[in-house]
Amino acid sequence: PTVNVAVLGATGSIGTATIDVLHHLDRIDETKTWNLWAASGHRNVQL
């Protein structure tokens, strides 16, 4: 089963840490797949 996550404020310190956590969970969680379904930011287009 997939857990779809929306990260609102993805380019801030909490948002980038959340992206790290999603990658980690998708590697180690043997019961679920973790997916970034949507993300938002303000002006930091590159990040």
All heavy atoms as atom14 arrays in JSON, in Angstrom:
{
  "sequence": "PTVNVAVLGATGSIGTATIDVLHHLDRIDETKTWNLWAASGHRNVQL",
  "atom14_mask": [
    [1, 1, 1, 1, 1, 1, 1, 0, 0, 0, 0, 0, 0, 0],
    [1, 1, 1, 1, 1, 1, 1, 0, 0, 0, 0, 0, 0, 0],
    [1, 1, 1, 1, 1, 1, 1, 0, 0, 0, 0, 0, 0, 0],
    [1, 1, 1, 1, 1, 1, 1, 1, 0, 0, 0, 0, 0, 0],
    [1, 1, 1, 1, 1, 1, 1, 0, 0, 0, 0, 0, 0, 0],
    [1, 1, 1, 1, 1, 0, 0, 0, 0, 0, 0, 0, 0, 0],
    [1, 1, 1, 1, 1, 1, 1, 0, 0, 0, 0, 0, 0, 0],
    [1, 1, 1, 1, 1, 1, 1, 1, 0, 0, 0, 0, 0, 0],
    [1, 1, 1, 1, 0, 0, 0, 0, 0, 0, 0, 0, 0, 0],
    [1, 1, 1, 1, 1, 0, 0, 0, 0, 0, 0, 0, 0, 0],
    [1, 1, 1, 1, 1, 1, 1, 0, 0, 0, 0, 0, 0, 0],
    [1, 1, 1, 1, 0, 0, 0, 0, 0, 0, 0, 0, 0, 0],
    [1, 1, 1, 1, 1, 1, 0, 0, 0, 0, 0, 0, 0, 0],
    [1, 1, 1, 1, 1, 1, 1, 1, 0, 0, 0, 0, 0, 0],
    [1, 1, 1, 1, 0, 0, 0, 0, 0, 0, 0, 0, 0, 0],
    [1, 1, 1, 1, 1, 1, 1, 0, 0, 0, 0, 0, 0, 0],
    [1, 1, 1, 1, 1, 0, 0, 0, 0, 0, 0, 0, 0, 0],
    [1, 1, 1, 1, 1, 1, 1, 0, 0, 0, 0, 0, 0, 0],
    [1, 1, 1, 1, 1, 1, 1, 1, 0, 0, 0, 0, 0, 0],
    [1, 1, 1, 1, 1, 1, 1, 1, 0, 0, 0, 0, 0, 0],
    [1, 1, 1, 1, 1, 1, 1, 0, 0, 0, 0, 0, 0, 0],
    [1, 1, 1, 1, 1, 1, 1, 1, 0, 0, 0, 0, 0, 0],
    [1, 1, 1, 1, 1, 1, 1, 1, 1, 1, 0, 0, 0, 0],
    [1, 1, 1, 1, 1, 1, 1, 1, 1, 1, 0, 0, 0, 0],
    [1, 1, 1, 1, 1, 1, 1, 1, 0, 0, 0, 0, 0, 0],
    [1, 1, 1, 1, 1, 1, 1, 1, 0, 0, 0, 0, 0, 0],
    [1, 1, 1, 1, 1, 1, 1, 1, 1, 1, 1, 0, 0, 0],
    [1, 1, 1, 1, 1, 1, 1, 1, 0, 0, 0, 0, 0, 0],
    [1, 1, 1, 1, 1, 1, 1, 1, 0, 0, 0, 0, 0, 0],
    [1, 1, 1, 1, 1, 1, 1, 1, 1, 0, 0, 0, 0, 0],
    [1, 1, 1, 1, 1, 1, 1, 0, 0, 0, 0, 0, 0, 0],
    [1, 1, 1, 1, 1, 1, 1, 1, 1, 0, 0, 0, 0, 0],
    [1, 1, 1, 1, 1, 1, 1, 0, 0, 0, 0, 0, 0, 0],
    [1, 1, 1, 1, 1, 1, 1, 1, 1, 1, 1, 1, 1, 1],
    [1, 1, 1, 1, 1, 1, 1, 1, 0, 0, 0, 0, 0, 0],
    [1, 1, 1, 1, 1, 1, 1, 1, 0, 0, 0, 0, 0, 0],
    [1, 1, 1, 1, 1, 1, 1, 1, 1, 1, 1, 1, 1, 1],
    [1, 1, 1, 1, 1, 0, 0, 0, 0, 0, 0, 0, 0, 0],
    [1, 1, 1, 1, 1, 0, 0, 0, 0, 0, 0, 0, 0, 0],
    [1, 1, 1, 1, 1, 1, 0, 0, 0, 0, 0, 0, 0, 0],
    [1, 1, 1, 1, 0, 0, 0, 0, 0, 0, 0, 0, 0, 0],
    [1, 1, 1, 1, 1, 1, 1, 1, 1, 1, 0, 0, 0, 0],
    [1, 1, 1, 1, 1, 1, 1, 1, 1, 1, 1, 0, 0, 0],
    [1, 1, 1, 1, 1, 1, 1, 1, 0, 0, 0, 0, 0, 0],
    [1, 1, 1, 1, 1, 1, 1, 0, 0, 0, 0, 0, 0, 0],
    [1, 1, 1, 1, 1, 1, 1, 1, 1, 0, 0, 0, 0, 0],
    [1, 1, 1, 1, 1, 1, 1, 1, 0, 0, 0, 0, 0, 0]
  ],
  "atom14_positions": [
    [[0.84, -1.21, 0.0], [0.0, 0.0, 0.0], [0.87, 1.25, 0.0], [1.92, 1.29, 0.63], [-0.81, -0.13, 1.29], [-0.05, -1.09, 2.14], [0.64, -2.03, 1.22], [0.0, 0.0, 0.0], [0.0, 0.0, 0.0], [0.0, 0.0, 0.0], [0.0, 0.0, 0.0], [0.0, 0.0, 0.0], [0.0, 0.0, 0.0], [0.0, 0.0, 0.0]],
    [[0.42, 2.27, -0.71], [1.17, 3.5, -0.85], [0.61, 4.59, 0.05], [-0.61, 4.77, 0.13], [1.15, 4.01, -2.31], [1.78, 3.04, -3.14], [1.88, 5.33, -2.46], [0.0, 0.0, 0.0], [0.0, 0.0, 0.0], [0.0, 0.0, 0.0], [0.0, 0.0, 0.0], [0.0, 0.0, 0.0], [0.0, 0.0, 0.0], [0.0, 0.0, 0.0]],
    [[1.5, 5.29, 0.73], [1.11, 6.47, 1.49], [1.49, 7.69, 0.66], [2.68, 7.97, 0.45], [1.82, 6.52, 2.86], [1.36, 7.76, 3.64], [1.55, 5.26, 3.66], [0.0, 0.0, 0.0], [0.0, 0.0, 0.0], [0.0, 0.0, 0.0], [0.0, 0.0, 0.0], [0.0, 0.0, 0.0], [0.0, 0.0, 0.0], [0.0, 0.0, 0.0]],
    [[0.5, 8.41, 0.17], [0.74, 9.62, -0.62], [0.82, 10.83, 0.31], [-0.12, 11.09, 1.06], [-0.38, 9.83, -1.64], [-0.29, 8.87, -2.81], [0.81, 8.52, -3.25], [-1.43, 8.43, -3.31], [0.0, 0.0, 0.0], [0.0, 0.0, 0.0], [0.0, 0.0, 0.0], [0.0, 0.0, 0.0], [0.0, 0.0, 0.0], [0.0, 0.0, 0.0]],
    [[1.93, 11.54, 0.21], [2.18, 12.66, 1.11], [2.26, 13.95, 0.3], [2.91, 14.01, -0.75], [3.5, 12.46, 1.89], [3.75, 13.64, 2.83], [3.45, 11.14, 2.68], [0.0, 0.0, 0.0], [0.0, 0.0, 0.0], [0.0, 0.0, 0.0], [0.0, 0.0, 0.0], [0.0, 0.0, 0.0], [0.0, 0.0, 0.0], [0.0, 0.0, 0.0]],
    [[1.59, 14.99, 0.78], [1.71, 16.33, 0.22], [2.52, 17.17, 1.2], [2.15, 17.27, 2.37], [0.34, 16.96, 0.0], [0.0, 0.0, 0.0], [0.0, 0.0, 0.0], [0.0, 0.0, 0.0], [0.0, 0.0, 0.0], [0.0, 0.0, 0.0], [0.0, 0.0, 0.0], [0.0, 0.0, 0.0], [0.0, 0.0, 0.0], [0.0, 0.0, 0.0]],
    [[3.62, 17.75, 0.72], [4.48, 18.58, 1.58], [4.27, 20.03, 1.19], [4.73, 20.48, 0.12], [5.97, 18.18, 1.44], [6.82, 19.04, 2.38], [6.16, 16.7, 1.74], [0.0, 0.0, 0.0], [0.0, 0.0, 0.0], [0.0, 0.0, 0.0], [0.0, 0.0, 0.0], [0.0, 0.0, 0.0], [0.0, 0.0, 0.0], [0.0, 0.0, 0.0]],
    [[3.56, 20.76, 2.03], [3.29, 22.17, 1.77], [4.35, 23.0, 2.49], [4.42, 23.01, 3.71], [1.89, 22.54, 2.26], [0.75, 21.67, 1.72], [-0.6, 22.2, 2.19], [0.79, 21.57, 0.2], [0.0, 0.0, 0.0], [0.0, 0.0, 0.0], [0.0, 0.0, 0.0], [0.0, 0.0, 0.0], [0.0, 0.0, 0.0], [0.0, 0.0, 0.0]],
    [[5.19, 23.67, 1.71], [6.35, 24.35, 2.27], [7.58, 23.47, 2.13], [8.39, 23.36, 3.06], [0.0, 0.0, 0.0], [0.0, 0.0, 0.0], [0.0, 0.0, 0.0], [0.0, 0.0, 0.0], [0.0, 0.0, 0.0], [0.0, 0.0, 0.0], [0.0, 0.0, 0.0], [0.0, 0.0, 0.0], [0.0, 0.0, 0.0], [0.0, 0.0, 0.0]],
    [[7.74, 22.86, 0.96], [8.78, 21.83, 0.76], [10.19, 22.39, 0.75], [11.15, 21.66, 1.0], [8.52, 21.06, -0.53], [0.0, 0.0, 0.0], [0.0, 0.0, 0.0], [0.0, 0.0, 0.0], [0.0, 0.0, 0.0], [0.0, 0.0, 0.0], [0.0, 0.0, 0.0], [0.0, 0.0, 0.0], [0.0, 0.0, 0.0], [0.0, 0.0, 0.0]],
    [[10.35, 23.68, 0.46], [11.7, 24.23, 0.33], [12.24, 24.81, 1.63], [13.39, 25.24, 1.69], [11.75, 25.32, -0.76], [10.78, 26.33, -0.46], [11.44, 24.73, -2.13], [0.0, 0.0, 0.0], [0.0, 0.0, 0.0], [0.0, 0.0, 0.0], [0.0, 0.0, 0.0], [0.0, 0.0, 0.0], [0.0, 0.0, 0.0], [0.0, 0.0, 0.0]],
    [[11.43, 24.83, 2.69], [11.91, 25.27, 3.99], [12.67, 24.17, 4.71], [12.79, 23.03, 4.21], [0.0, 0.0, 0.0], [0.0, 0.0, 0.0], [0.0, 0.0, 0.0], [0.0, 0.0, 0.0], [0.0, 0.0, 0.0], [0.0, 0.0, 0.0], [0.0, 0.0, 0.0], [0.0, 0.0, 0.0], [0.0, 0.0, 0.0], [0.0, 0.0, 0.0]],
    [[13.16, 24.47, 5.91], [13.96, 23.49, 6.64], [13.14, 22.25, 7.01], [13.64, 21.12, 6.92], [14.55, 24.13, 7.9], [13.53, 24.64, 8.74], [0.0, 0.0, 0.0], [0.0, 0.0, 0.0], [0.0, 0.0, 0.0], [0.0, 0.0, 0.0], [0.0, 0.0, 0.0], [0.0, 0.0, 0.0], [0.0, 0.0, 0.0], [0.0, 0.0, 0.0]],
    [[11.88, 22.44, 7.41], [11.03, 21.3, 7.71], [10.71, 20.52, 6.44], [10.72, 19.28, 6.42], [9.71, 21.75, 8.39], [10.02, 22.38, 9.76], [8.76, 20.57, 8.56], [10.59, 21.43, 10.78], [0.0, 0.0, 0.0], [0.0, 0.0, 0.0], [0.0, 0.0, 0.0], [0.0, 0.0, 0.0], [0.0, 0.0, 0.0], [0.0, 0.0, 0.0]],
    [[10.43, 21.23, 5.37], [10.08, 20.57, 4.11], [11.22, 19.7, 3.58], [11.0, 18.55, 3.17], [0.0, 0.0, 0.0], [0.0, 0.0, 0.0], [0.0, 0.0, 0.0], [0.0, 0.0, 0.0], [0.0, 0.0, 0.0], [0.0, 0.0, 0.0], [0.0, 0.0, 0.0], [0.0, 0.0, 0.0], [0.0, 0.0, 0.0], [0.0, 0.0, 0.0]],
    [[12.43, 20.24, 3.56], [13.56, 19.46, 3.04], [13.86, 18.26, 3.95], [14.21, 17.18, 3.46], [14.81, 20.33, 2.88], [15.11, 20.98, 4.13], [14.61, 21.4, 1.82], [0.0, 0.0, 0.0], [0.0, 0.0, 0.0], [0.0, 0.0, 0.0], [0.0, 0.0, 0.0], [0.0, 0.0, 0.0], [0.0, 0.0, 0.0], [0.0, 0.0, 0.0]],
    [[13.69, 18.44, 5.26], [13.88, 17.31, 6.18], [12.81, 16.25, 5.94], [13.08, 15.04, 6.03], [13.84, 17.79, 7.63], [0.0, 0.0, 0.0], [0.0, 0.0, 0.0], [0.0, 0.0, 0.0], [0.0, 0.0, 0.0], [0.0, 0.0, 0.0], [0.0, 0.0, 0.0], [0.0, 0.0, 0.0], [0.0, 0.0, 0.0], [0.0, 0.0, 0.0]],
    [[11.59, 16.68, 5.61], [10.52, 15.73, 5.32], [10.84, 14.92, 4.07], [10.58, 13.7, 4.02], [9.18, 16.46, 5.13], [8.87, 17.2, 6.32], [8.06, 15.49, 4.83], [0.0, 0.0, 0.0], [0.0, 0.0, 0.0], [0.0, 0.0, 0.0], [0.0, 0.0, 0.0], [0.0, 0.0, 0.0], [0.0, 0.0, 0.0], [0.0, 0.0, 0.0]],
    [[11.41, 15.56, 3.06], [11.81, 14.83, 1.85], [12.83, 13.75, 2.21], [12.75, 12.61, 1.73], [12.38, 15.79, 0.8], [11.35, 16.86, 0.4], [12.87, 15.03, -0.42], [10.09, 16.33, -0.2], [0.0, 0.0, 0.0], [0.0, 0.0, 0.0], [0.0, 0.0, 0.0], [0.0, 0.0, 0.0], [0.0, 0.0, 0.0], [0.0, 0.0, 0.0]],
    [[13.79, 14.08, 3.06], [14.77, 13.09, 3.53], [14.07, 11.92, 4.21], [14.41, 10.75, 3.99], [15.75, 13.72, 4.52], [16.76, 14.64, 3.85], [16.89, 14.57, 2.61], [17.41, 15.42, 4.57], [0.0, 0.0, 0.0], [0.0, 0.0, 0.0], [0.0, 0.0, 0.0], [0.0, 0.0, 0.0], [0.0, 0.0, 0.0], [0.0, 0.0, 0.0]],
    [[13.09, 12.24, 5.06], [12.37, 11.19, 5.79], [11.59, 10.29, 4.83], [11.57, 9.06, 4.99], [11.42, 11.83, 6.84], [10.47, 10.78, 7.42], [12.23, 12.48, 7.95], [0.0, 0.0, 0.0], [0.0, 0.0, 0.0], [0.0, 0.0, 0.0], [0.0, 0.0, 0.0], [0.0, 0.0, 0.0], [0.0, 0.0, 0.0], [0.0, 0.0, 0.0]],
    [[10.97, 10.87, 3.82], [10.21, 10.07, 2.85], [11.12, 9.1, 2.12], [10.77, 7.92, 1.91], [9.49, 10.98, 1.86], [8.31, 11.79, 2.4], [7.73, 12.68, 1.31], [7.24, 10.86, 2.96], [0.0, 0.0, 0.0], [0.0, 0.0, 0.0], [0.0, 0.0, 0.0], [0.0, 0.0, 0.0], [0.0, 0.0, 0.0], [0.0, 0.0, 0.0]],
    [[12.3, 9.56, 1.7], [13.26, 8.65, 1.04], [13.65, 7.52, 1.99], [13.71, 6.35, 1.59], [14.51, 9.43, 0.62], [14.32, 10.29, -0.58], [13.87, 9.81, -1.79], [14.53, 11.62, -0.77], [13.8, 10.8, -2.67], [14.19, 11.91, -2.06], [0.0, 0.0, 0.0], [0.0, 0.0, 0.0], [0.0, 0.0, 0.0], [0.0, 0.0, 0.0]],
    [[13.92, 7.88, 3.23], [14.33, 6.88, 4.22], [13.22, 5.86, 4.46], [13.48, 4.63, 4.45], [14.7, 7.58, 5.53], [14.91, 6.65, 6.68], [15.98, 5.78, 6.75], [14.17, 6.46, 7.81], [15.89, 5.08, 7.88], [14.81, 5.47, 8.53], [0.0, 0.0, 0.0], [0.0, 0.0, 0.0], [0.0, 0.0, 0.0], [0.0, 0.0, 0.0]],
    [[11.99, 6.34, 4.66], [10.89, 5.42, 4.92], [10.64, 4.5, 3.73], [10.34, 3.31, 3.9], [9.62, 6.21, 5.24], [9.58, 6.9, 6.6], [8.31, 7.74, 6.74], [9.65, 5.88, 7.74], [0.0, 0.0, 0.0], [0.0, 0.0, 0.0], [0.0, 0.0, 0.0], [0.0, 0.0, 0.0], [0.0, 0.0, 0.0], [0.0, 0.0, 0.0]],
    [[10.78, 5.03, 2.53], [10.53, 4.19, 1.35], [11.59, 3.1, 1.21], [11.34, 2.07, 0.6], [10.48, 5.06, 0.09], [9.78, 4.36, -1.05], [8.7, 3.78, -0.81], [10.32, 4.35, -2.17], [0.0, 0.0, 0.0], [0.0, 0.0, 0.0], [0.0, 0.0, 0.0], [0.0, 0.0, 0.0], [0.0, 0.0, 0.0], [0.0, 0.0, 0.0]],
    [[12.78, 3.34, 1.81], [13.82, 2.3, 1.79], [13.6, 1.22, 2.84], [13.83, 0.04, 2.58], [15.2, 2.94, 2.02], [15.75, 3.73, 0.85], [17.25, 4.0, 1.04], [17.53, 4.71, 2.28], [17.56, 6.02, 2.41], [17.29, 6.77, 1.35], [17.83, 6.6, 3.56], [0.0, 0.0, 0.0], [0.0, 0.0, 0.0], [0.0, 0.0, 0.0]],
    [[13.14, 1.63, 4.04], [13.18, 0.68, 5.15], [11.82, 0.13, 5.58], [11.75, -0.88, 6.29], [13.89, 1.31, 6.38], [13.12, 2.54, 6.9], [15.32, 1.71, 6.02], [12.31, 2.3, 8.12], [0.0, 0.0, 0.0], [0.0, 0.0, 0.0], [0.0, 0.0, 0.0], [0.0, 0.0, 0.0], [0.0, 0.0, 0.0], [0.0, 0.0, 0.0]],
    [[10.73, 0.79, 5.17], [9.41, 0.34, 5.61], [8.99, -0.87, 4.76], [8.76, -0.74, 3.55], [8.4, 1.47, 5.48], [7.06, 1.16, 6.14], [6.86, -0.01, 6.54], [6.23, 2.07, 6.27], [0.0, 0.0, 0.0], [0.0, 0.0, 0.0], [0.0, 0.0, 0.0], [0.0, 0.0, 0.0], [0.0, 0.0, 0.0], [0.0, 0.0, 0.0]],
    [[8.87, -2.02, 5.38], [8.54, -3.25, 4.66], [7.04, -3.45, 4.48], [6.61, -4.44, 3.88], [9.14, -4.45, 5.38], [10.66, -4.42, 5.43], [11.25, -5.66, 6.07], [10.51, -6.38, 6.76], [12.45, -5.91, 5.87], [0.0, 0.0, 0.0], [0.0, 0.0, 0.0], [0.0, 0.0, 0.0], [0.0, 0.0, 0.0], [0.0, 0.0, 0.0]],
    [[6.25, -2.51, 5.0], [4.79, -2.66, 4.91], [4.13, -1.63, 4.01], [2.97, -1.8, 3.63], [4.15, -2.57, 6.31], [4.34, -1.24, 6.83], [4.76, -3.59, 7.25], [0.0, 0.0, 0.0], [0.0, 0.0, 0.0], [0.0, 0.0, 0.0], [0.0, 0.0, 0.0], [0.0, 0.0, 0.0], [0.0, 0.0, 0.0], [0.0, 0.0, 0.0]],
    [[4.84, -0.54, 3.69], [4.23, 0.53, 2.89], [5.25, 1.12, 1.93], [6.47, 1.05, 2.16], [3.69, 1.65, 3.78], [2.61, 1.23, 4.78], [2.17, 2.41, 5.63], [1.22, 1.95, 6.74], [-0.03, 1.38, 6.23], [0.0, 0.0, 0.0], [0.0, 0.0, 0.0], [0.0, 0.0, 0.0], [0.0, 0.0, 0.0], [0.0, 0.0, 0.0]],
    [[4.75, 1.71, 0.87], [5.55, 2.53, -0.03], [5.21, 3.99, 0.23], [4.03, 4.34, 0.35], [5.26, 2.18, -1.5], [5.69, 0.84, -1.75], [5.98, 3.13, -2.44], [0.0, 0.0, 0.0], [0.0, 0.0, 0.0], [0.0, 0.0, 0.0], [0.0, 0.0, 0.0], [0.0, 0.0, 0.0], [0.0, 0.0, 0.0], [0.0, 0.0, 0.0]],
    [[6.22, 4.84, 0.32], [6.01, 6.25, 0.62], [6.28, 7.09, -0.61], [7.31, 6.94, -1.27], [6.92, 6.68, 1.78], [6.54, 6.01, 3.06], [6.88, 4.76, 3.47], [5.69, 6.56, 4.08], [6.31, 4.48, 4.69], [5.58, 5.58, 5.09], [5.05, 7.77, 4.26], [4.83, 5.78, 6.25], [4.31, 7.98, 5.4], [4.2, 6.98, 6.38]],
    [[5.34, 7.98, -0.92], [5.37, 8.7, -2.18], [5.1, 10.19, -1.97], [4.19, 10.57, -1.22], [4.3, 8.12, -3.13], [4.22, 8.87, -4.44], [5.22, 9.09, -5.09], [3.01, 9.25, -4.82], [0.0, 0.0, 0.0], [0.0, 0.0, 0.0], [0.0, 0.0, 0.0], [0.0, 0.0, 0.0], [0.0, 0.0, 0.0], [0.0, 0.0, 0.0]],
    [[5.9, 11.03, -2.6], [5.64, 12.48, -2.61], [4.62, 12.77, -3.71], [4.95, 12.8, -4.89], [6.93, 13.26, -2.86], [6.78, 14.79, -2.91], [6.37, 15.34, -1.55], [8.07, 15.44, -3.38], [0.0, 0.0, 0.0], [0.0, 0.0, 0.0], [0.0, 0.0, 0.0], [0.0, 0.0, 0.0], [0.0, 0.0, 0.0], [0.0, 0.0, 0.0]],
    [[3.36, 12.97, -3.31], [2.3, 13.18, -4.29], [2.23, 14.63, -4.76], [1.9, 14.91, -5.9], [0.95, 12.77, -3.69], [-0.14, 12.61, -4.7], [-0.45, 11.47, -5.4], [-1.05, 13.62, -5.16], [-1.5, 11.71, -6.26], [-1.89, 13.02, -6.13], [-1.25, 14.96, -4.84], [-2.9, 13.72, -6.77], [-2.25, 15.67, -5.5], [-3.07, 15.05, -6.45]],
    [[2.56, 15.55, -3.87], [2.52, 16.98, -4.21], [3.48, 17.74, -3.31], [3.79, 17.3, -2.21], [1.1, 17.54, -4.08], [0.0, 0.0, 0.0], [0.0, 0.0, 0.0], [0.0, 0.0, 0.0], [0.0, 0.0, 0.0], [0.0, 0.0, 0.0], [0.0, 0.0, 0.0], [0.0, 0.0, 0.0], [0.0, 0.0, 0.0], [0.0, 0.0, 0.0]],
    [[3.93, 18.88, -3.81], [4.83, 19.73, -3.04], [4.57, 21.18, -3.41], [4.15, 21.49, -4.53], [6.29, 19.37, -3.31], [0.0, 0.0, 0.0], [0.0, 0.0, 0.0], [0.0, 0.0, 0.0], [0.0, 0.0, 0.0], [0.0, 0.0, 0.0], [0.0, 0.0, 0.0], [0.0, 0.0, 0.0], [0.0, 0.0, 0.0], [0.0, 0.0, 0.0]],
    [[4.85, 22.07, -2.47], [4.69, 23.5, -2.75], [5.92, 24.27, -2.26], [6.64, 23.81, -1.37], [3.43, 24.05, -2.07], [3.66, 24.32, -0.7], [0.0, 0.0, 0.0], [0.0, 0.0, 0.0], [0.0, 0.0, 0.0], [0.0, 0.0, 0.0], [0.0, 0.0, 0.0], [0.0, 0.0, 0.0], [0.0, 0.0, 0.0], [0.0, 0.0, 0.0]],
    [[6.12, 25.42, -2.87], [7.18, 26.32, -2.47], [6.77, 27.75, -2.78], [5.65, 28.0, -3.24], [0.0, 0.0, 0.0], [0.0, 0.0, 0.0], [0.0, 0.0, 0.0], [0.0, 0.0, 0.0], [0.0, 0.0, 0.0], [0.0, 0.0, 0.0], [0.0, 0.0, 0.0], [0.0, 0.0, 0.0], [0.0, 0.0, 0.0], [0.0, 0.0, 0.0]],
    [[7.69, 28.67, -2.56], [7.38, 30.08, -2.82], [8.13, 30.57, -4.06], [7.56, 30.64, -5.14], [7.72, 30.94, -1.6], [7.38, 32.39, -1.77], [6.17, 32.82, -2.26], [8.11, 33.51, -1.51], [6.15, 34.14, -2.3], [7.31, 34.59, -1.86], [0.0, 0.0, 0.0], [0.0, 0.0, 0.0], [0.0, 0.0, 0.0], [0.0, 0.0, 0.0]],
    [[9.43, 30.83, -3.9], [10.21, 31.33, -5.04], [11.45, 30.5, -5.36], [12.11, 30.75, -6.35], [10.66, 32.76, -4.77], [9.55, 33.78, -4.77], [10.11, 35.18, -4.63], [9.05, 36.17, -4.61], [9.03, 37.23, -3.82], [10.02, 37.42, -2.96], [8.04, 38.1, -3.87], [0.0, 0.0, 0.0], [0.0, 0.0, 0.0], [0.0, 0.0, 0.0]],
    [[11.76, 29.53, -4.5], [13.0, 28.78, -4.68], [12.78, 27.7, -5.74], [12.66, 26.5, -5.44], [13.46, 28.17, -3.36], [14.91, 27.76, -3.39], [15.47, 27.5, -4.46], [15.55, 27.7, -2.24], [0.0, 0.0, 0.0], [0.0, 0.0, 0.0], [0.0, 0.0, 0.0], [0.0, 0.0, 0.0], [0.0, 0.0, 0.0], [0.0, 0.0, 0.0]],
    [[12.77, 28.14, -6.99], [12.46, 27.25, -8.12], [13.49, 26.14, -8.24], [13.14, 24.97, -8.44], [12.4, 28.08, -9.43], [12.29, 27.16, -10.64], [11.24, 29.06, -9.38], [0.0, 0.0, 0.0], [0.0, 0.0, 0.0], [0.0, 0.0, 0.0], [0.0, 0.0, 0.0], [0.0, 0.0, 0.0], [0.0, 0.0, 0.0], [0.0, 0.0, 0.0]],
    [[14.76, 26.49, -8.11], [15.82, 25.49, -8.29], [15.72, 24.37, -7.26], [15.76, 23.19, -7.61], [17.19, 26.15, -8.2], [18.35, 25.18, -8.39], [19.71, 25.87, -8.35], [19.79, 27.1, -8.41], [20.77, 25.08, -8.27], [0.0, 0.0, 0.0], [0.0, 0.0, 0.0], [0.0, 0.0, 0.0], [0.0, 0.0, 0.0], [0.0, 0.0, 0.0]],
    [[15.58, 24.73, -5.98], [15.51, 23.71, -4.94], [14.26, 22.85, -5.09], [14.32, 21.62, -4.93], [15.54, 24.36, -3.56], [15.44, 23.41, -2.36], [16.54, 22.36, -2.4], [15.49, 24.19, -1.04], [0.0, 0.0, 0.0], [0.0, 0.0, 0.0], [0.0, 0.0, 0.0], [0.0, 0.0, 0.0], [0.0, 0.0, 0.0], [0.0, 0.0, 0.0]]
  ]
}
